[in-house]
Amino acid sequence: MSYLIDTDRLPMTCEDSLIAATALHHAHTIVTRDLSHFKHADVPALDPTAL
């Protein structure tokens, strides 16, 4: 099941929102191959394939 949350007209799934919130709360960096999911979440994110 996937829900979309409209933040500034940019949809973010509920799952991605929970991941971003958890990373922000614990001051962690998200490691993902698809940075577009988090580019507007104001959370540090890293693509391991770009290293």
PDB file of N, CA and C in Angstrom:
ATOM      1  N   MET A   1       0.851  -1.167   0.000  1.00  0.00           N
ATOM      2  CA  MET A   1       0.000   0.000   0.000  1.00  0.00           C
ATOM      3  C   MET A   1       0.903   1.237   0.000  1.00  0.00           C
ATOM      4  N   SER A   2       0.587   2.197  -0.819  1.00  0.00           N
ATOM      5  CA  SER A   2       1.401   3.400  -0.913  1.00  0.00           C
ATOM      6  C   SER A   2       0.506   4.628  -0.908  1.00  0.00           C
ATOM      7  N   TYR A   3       0.817   5.560  -0.055  1.00  0.00           N
ATOM      8  CA  TYR A   3       0.075   6.815   0.023  1.00  0.00           C
ATOM      9  C   TYR A   3       1.016   7.939  -0.392  1.00  0.00           C
ATOM     10  N   LEU A   4       0.466   8.960  -0.978  1.00  0.00           N
ATOM     11  CA  LEU A   4       1.270  10.106  -1.371  1.00  0.00           C
ATOM     12  C   LEU A   4       0.951  11.278  -0.476  1.00  0.00           C
ATOM     13  N   ILE A   5       1.978  11.950  -0.013  1.00  0.00           N
ATOM     14  CA  ILE A   5       1.827  13.144   0.806  1.00  0.00           C
ATOM     15  C   ILE A   5       2.262  14.321  -0.036  1.00  0.00           C
ATOM     16  N   ASP A   6       1.402  15.308  -0.183  1.00  0.00           N
ATOM     17  CA  ASP A   6       1.705  16.445  -1.043  1.00  0.00           C
ATOM     18  C   ASP A   6       2.391  17.534  -0.229  1.00  0.00           C
ATOM     19  N   THR A   7       3.701  17.690  -0.440  1.00  0.00           N
ATOM     20  CA  THR A   7       4.458  18.746   0.214  1.00  0.00           C
ATOM     21  C   THR A   7       5.012  19.645  -0.872  1.00  0.00           C
ATOM     22  N   ASP A   8       4.520  20.846  -0.937  1.00  0.00           N
ATOM     23  CA  ASP A   8       4.910  21.780  -1.992  1.00  0.00           C
ATOM     24  C   ASP A   8       4.707  21.169  -3.377  1.00  0.00           C
ATOM     25  N   ARG A   9       3.647  20.423  -3.514  1.00  0.00           N
ATOM     26  CA  ARG A   9       3.266  19.776  -4.781  1.00  0.00           C
ATOM     27  C   ARG A   9       4.262  18.726  -5.254  1.00  0.00           C
ATOM     28  N   LEU A  10       5.086  18.250  -4.373  1.00  0.00           N
ATOM     29  CA  LEU A  10       6.028  17.189  -4.701  1.00  0.00           C
ATOM     30  C   LEU A  10       5.640  15.957  -3.889  1.00  0.00           C
ATOM     31  N   PRO A  11       5.132  14.924  -4.542  1.00  0.00           N
ATOM     32  CA  PRO A  11       4.663  13.755  -3.786  1.00  0.00           C
ATOM     33  C   PRO A  11       5.803  12.963  -3.164  1.00  0.00           C
ATOM     34  N   MET A  12       5.551  12.477  -1.972  1.00  0.00           N
ATOM     35  CA  MET A  12       6.515  11.619  -1.277  1.00  0.00           C
ATOM     36  C   MET A  12       5.710  10.492  -0.649  1.00  0.00           C
ATOM     37  N   THR A  13       6.155   9.279  -0.844  1.00  0.00           N
ATOM     38  CA  THR A  13       5.416   8.152  -0.277  1.00  0.00           C
ATOM     39  C   THR A  13       5.525   8.157   1.239  1.00  0.00           C
ATOM     40  N   CYS A  14       4.603   7.500   1.861  1.00  0.00           N
ATOM     41  CA  CYS A  14       4.599   7.392   3.323  1.00  0.00           C
ATOM     42  C   CYS A  14       5.875   6.695   3.797  1.00  0.00           C
ATOM     43  N   GLU A  15       6.289   5.663   3.073  1.00  0.00           N
ATOM     44  CA  GLU A  15       7.499   4.919   3.445  1.00  0.00           C
ATOM     45  C   GLU A  15       8.732   5.821   3.393  1.00  0.00           C
ATOM     46  N   ASP A  16       8.862   6.610   2.317  1.00  0.00           N
ATOM     47  CA  ASP A  16      10.004   7.515   2.198  1.00  0.00           C
ATOM     48  C   ASP A  16       9.970   8.589   3.278  1.00  0.00           C
ATOM     49  N   SER A  17       8.781   9.040   3.632  1.00  0.00           N
ATOM     50  CA  SER A  17       8.641  10.037   4.699  1.00  0.00           C
ATOM     51  C   SER A  17       9.124   9.484   6.030  1.00  0.00           C
ATOM     52  N   LEU A  18       8.785   8.239   6.307  1.00  0.00           N
ATOM     53  CA  LEU A  18       9.222   7.612   7.560  1.00  0.00           C
ATOM     54  C   LEU A  18      10.736   7.420   7.581  1.00  0.00           C
ATOM     55  N   ILE A  19      11.308   7.027   6.453  1.00  0.00           N
ATOM     56  CA  ILE A  19      12.761   6.870   6.365  1.00  0.00           C
ATOM     57  C   ILE A  19      13.449   8.211   6.591  1.00  0.00           C
ATOM     58  N   ALA A  20      12.959   9.262   5.935  1.00  0.00           N
ATOM     59  CA  ALA A  20      13.547  10.598   6.080  1.00  0.00           C
ATOM     60  C   ALA A  20      13.414  11.109   7.512  1.00  0.00           C
ATOM     61  N   ALA A  21      12.262  10.926   8.112  1.00  0.00           N
ATOM     62  CA  ALA A  21      12.052  11.396   9.480  1.00  0.00           C
ATOM     63  C   ALA A  21      12.961  10.667  10.460  1.00  0.00           C
ATOM     64  N   THR A  22      13.130   9.372  10.278  1.00  0.00           N
ATOM     65  CA  THR A  22      14.004   8.583  11.147  1.00  0.00           C
ATOM     66  C   THR A  22      15.452   9.032  10.996  1.00  0.00           C
ATOM     67  N   ALA A  23      15.880   9.246   9.762  1.00  0.00           N
ATOM     68  CA  ALA A  23      17.253   9.700   9.524  1.00  0.00           C
ATOM     69  C   ALA A  23      17.488  11.070  10.150  1.00  0.00           C
ATOM     70  N   LEU A  24      16.527  11.974  10.010  1.00  0.00           N
ATOM     71  CA  LEU A  24      16.669  13.305  10.613  1.00  0.00           C
ATOM     72  C   LEU A  24      16.708  13.228  12.137  1.00  0.00           C
ATOM     73  N   HIS A  25      15.844  12.419  12.706  1.00  0.00           N
ATOM     74  CA  HIS A  25      15.761  12.297  14.164  1.00  0.00           C
ATOM     75  C   HIS A  25      17.072  11.777  14.760  1.00  0.00           C
ATOM     76  N   HIS A  26      17.689  10.826  14.081  1.00  0.00           N
ATOM     77  CA  HIS A  26      18.913  10.213  14.594  1.00  0.00           C
ATOM     78  C   HIS A  26      20.184  10.813  13.995  1.00  0.00           C
ATOM     79  N   ALA A  27      20.035  11.869  13.205  1.00  0.00           N
ATOM     80  CA  ALA A  27      21.166  12.547  12.547  1.00  0.00           C
ATOM     81  C   ALA A  27      21.982  11.584  11.687  1.00  0.00           C
ATOM     82  N   HIS A  28      21.283  10.737  10.919  1.00  0.00           N
ATOM     83  CA  HIS A  28      21.919   9.779  10.030  1.00  0.00           C
ATOM     84  C   HIS A  28      21.825  10.250   8.585  1.00  0.00           C
ATOM     85  N   THR A  29      22.596   9.627   7.733  1.00  0.00           N
ATOM     86  CA  THR A  29      22.548   9.877   6.299  1.00  0.00           C
ATOM     87  C   THR A  29      21.861   8.697   5.623  1.00  0.00           C
ATOM     88  N   ILE A  30      20.962   8.991   4.701  1.00  0.00           N
ATOM     89  CA  ILE A  30      20.283   7.946   3.941  1.00  0.00           C
ATOM     90  C   ILE A  30      21.208   7.504   2.813  1.00  0.00           C
ATOM     91  N   VAL A  31      21.364   6.202   2.652  1.00  0.00           N
ATOM     92  CA  VAL A  31      22.161   5.647   1.560  1.00  0.00           C
ATOM     93  C   VAL A  31      21.187   4.944   0.615  1.00  0.00           C
ATOM     94  N   THR A  32      21.092   5.470  -0.608  1.00  0.00           N
ATOM     95  CA  THR A  32      20.146   4.952  -1.591  1.00  0.00           C
ATOM     96  C   THR A  32      20.671   5.183  -2.993  1.00  0.00           C
ATOM     97  N   ARG A  33      20.234   4.352  -3.929  1.00  0.00           N
ATOM     98  CA  ARG A  33      20.626   4.551  -5.321  1.00  0.00           C
ATOM     99  C   ARG A  33      19.679   5.510  -6.029  1.00  0.00           C
ATOM    100  N   ASP A  34      18.583   5.879  -5.400  1.00  0.00           N
ATOM    101  CA  ASP A  34      17.620   6.798  -6.014  1.00  0.00           C
ATOM    102  C   ASP A  34      17.460   8.035  -5.134  1.00  0.00           C
ATOM    103  N   LEU A  35      18.334   8.997  -5.324  1.00  0.00           N
ATOM    104  CA  LEU A  35      18.334  10.210  -4.508  1.00  0.00           C
ATOM    105  C   LEU A  35      17.105  11.086  -4.746  1.00  0.00           C
ATOM    106  N   SER A  36      16.452  10.901  -5.878  1.00  0.00           N
ATOM    107  CA  SER A  36      15.296  11.745  -6.194  1.00  0.00           C
ATOM    108  C   SER A  36      14.170  11.598  -5.171  1.00  0.00           C
ATOM    109  N   HIS A  37      14.119  10.479  -4.485  1.00  0.00           N
ATOM    110  CA  HIS A  37      13.076  10.273  -3.475  1.00  0.00           C
ATOM    111  C   HIS A  37      13.246  11.212  -2.280  1.00  0.00           C
ATOM    112  N   PHE A  38      14.454  11.688  -2.048  1.00  0.00           N
ATOM    113  CA  PHE A  38      14.736  12.453  -0.840  1.00  0.00           C
ATOM    114  C   PHE A  38      15.289  13.845  -1.105  1.00  0.00           C
ATOM    115  N   LYS A  39      15.351  14.280  -2.359  1.00  0.00           N
ATOM    116  CA  LYS A  39      15.996  15.559  -2.659  1.00  0.00           C
ATOM    117  C   LYS A  39      15.261  16.761  -2.071  1.00  0.00           C
ATOM    118  N   HIS A  40      13.970  16.654  -1.807  1.00  0.00           N
ATOM    119  CA  HIS A  40      13.216  17.763  -1.239  1.00  0.00           C
ATOM    120  C   HIS A  40      12.910  17.561   0.241  1.00  0.00           C
ATOM    121  N   ALA A  41      13.496  16.542   0.844  1.00  0.00           N
ATOM    122  CA  ALA A  41      13.206  16.229   2.247  1.00  0.00           C
ATOM    123  C   ALA A  41      14.173  16.899   3.209  1.00  0.00           C
ATOM    124  N   ASP A  42      15.181  17.604   2.706  1.00  0.00           N
ATOM    125  CA  ASP A  42      16.151  18.273   3.551  1.00  0.00           C
ATOM    126  C   ASP A  42      16.819  17.310   4.528  1.00  0.00           C
ATOM    127  N   VAL A  43      17.217  16.164   3.983  1.00  0.00           N
ATOM    128  CA  VAL A  43      17.896  15.137   4.769  1.00  0.00           C
ATOM    129  C   VAL A  43      19.164  14.733   3.997  1.00  0.00           C
ATOM    130  N   PRO A  44      20.282  14.502   4.695  1.00  0.00           N
ATOM    131  CA  PRO A  44      21.491  14.078   3.984  1.00  0.00           C
ATOM    132  C   PRO A  44      21.275  12.723   3.314  1.00  0.00           C
ATOM    133  N   ALA A  45      21.642  12.637   2.040  1.00  0.00           N
ATOM    134  CA  ALA A  45      21.480  11.374   1.310  1.00  0.00           C
ATOM    135  C   ALA A  45      22.714  11.145   0.446  1.00  0.00           C
ATOM    136  N   LEU A  46      23.059   9.886   0.278  1.00  0.00           N
ATOM    137  CA  LEU A  46      24.264   9.503  -0.441  1.00  0.00           C
ATOM    138  C   LEU A  46      23.943   8.349  -1.388  1.00  0.00           C
ATOM    139  N   ASP A  47      24.462   8.443  -2.618  1.00  0.00           N
ATOM    140  CA  ASP A  47      24.332   7.373  -3.591  1.00  0.00           C
ATOM    141  C   ASP A  47      25.642   6.581  -3.589  1.00  0.00           C
ATOM    142  N   PRO A  48      25.626   5.333  -3.125  1.00  0.00           N
ATOM    143  CA  PRO A  48      26.872   4.570  -3.022  1.00  0.00           C
ATOM    144  C   PRO A  48      27.474   4.239  -4.385  1.00  0.00           C
ATOM    145  N   THR A  49      26.683   4.245  -5.436  1.00  0.00           N
ATOM    146  CA  THR A  49      27.216   3.930  -6.756  1.00  0.00           C
ATOM    147  C   THR A  49      27.919   5.125  -7.382  1.00  0.00           C
ATOM    148  N   ALA A  50      27.759   6.305  -6.805  1.00  0.00           N
ATOM    149  CA  ALA A  50      28.379   7.508  -7.342  1.00  0.00           C
ATOM    150  C   ALA A  50      29.770   7.758  -6.739  1.00  0.00           C
ATOM    151  N   LEU A  51      30.192   6.920  -5.815  1.00  0.00           N
ATOM    152  CA  LEU A  51      31.498   7.117  -5.169  1.00  0.00           C
ATOM    153  C   LEU A  51      32.639   6.731  -6.041  1.00  0.00           C
TER     154      LEU A  51
END
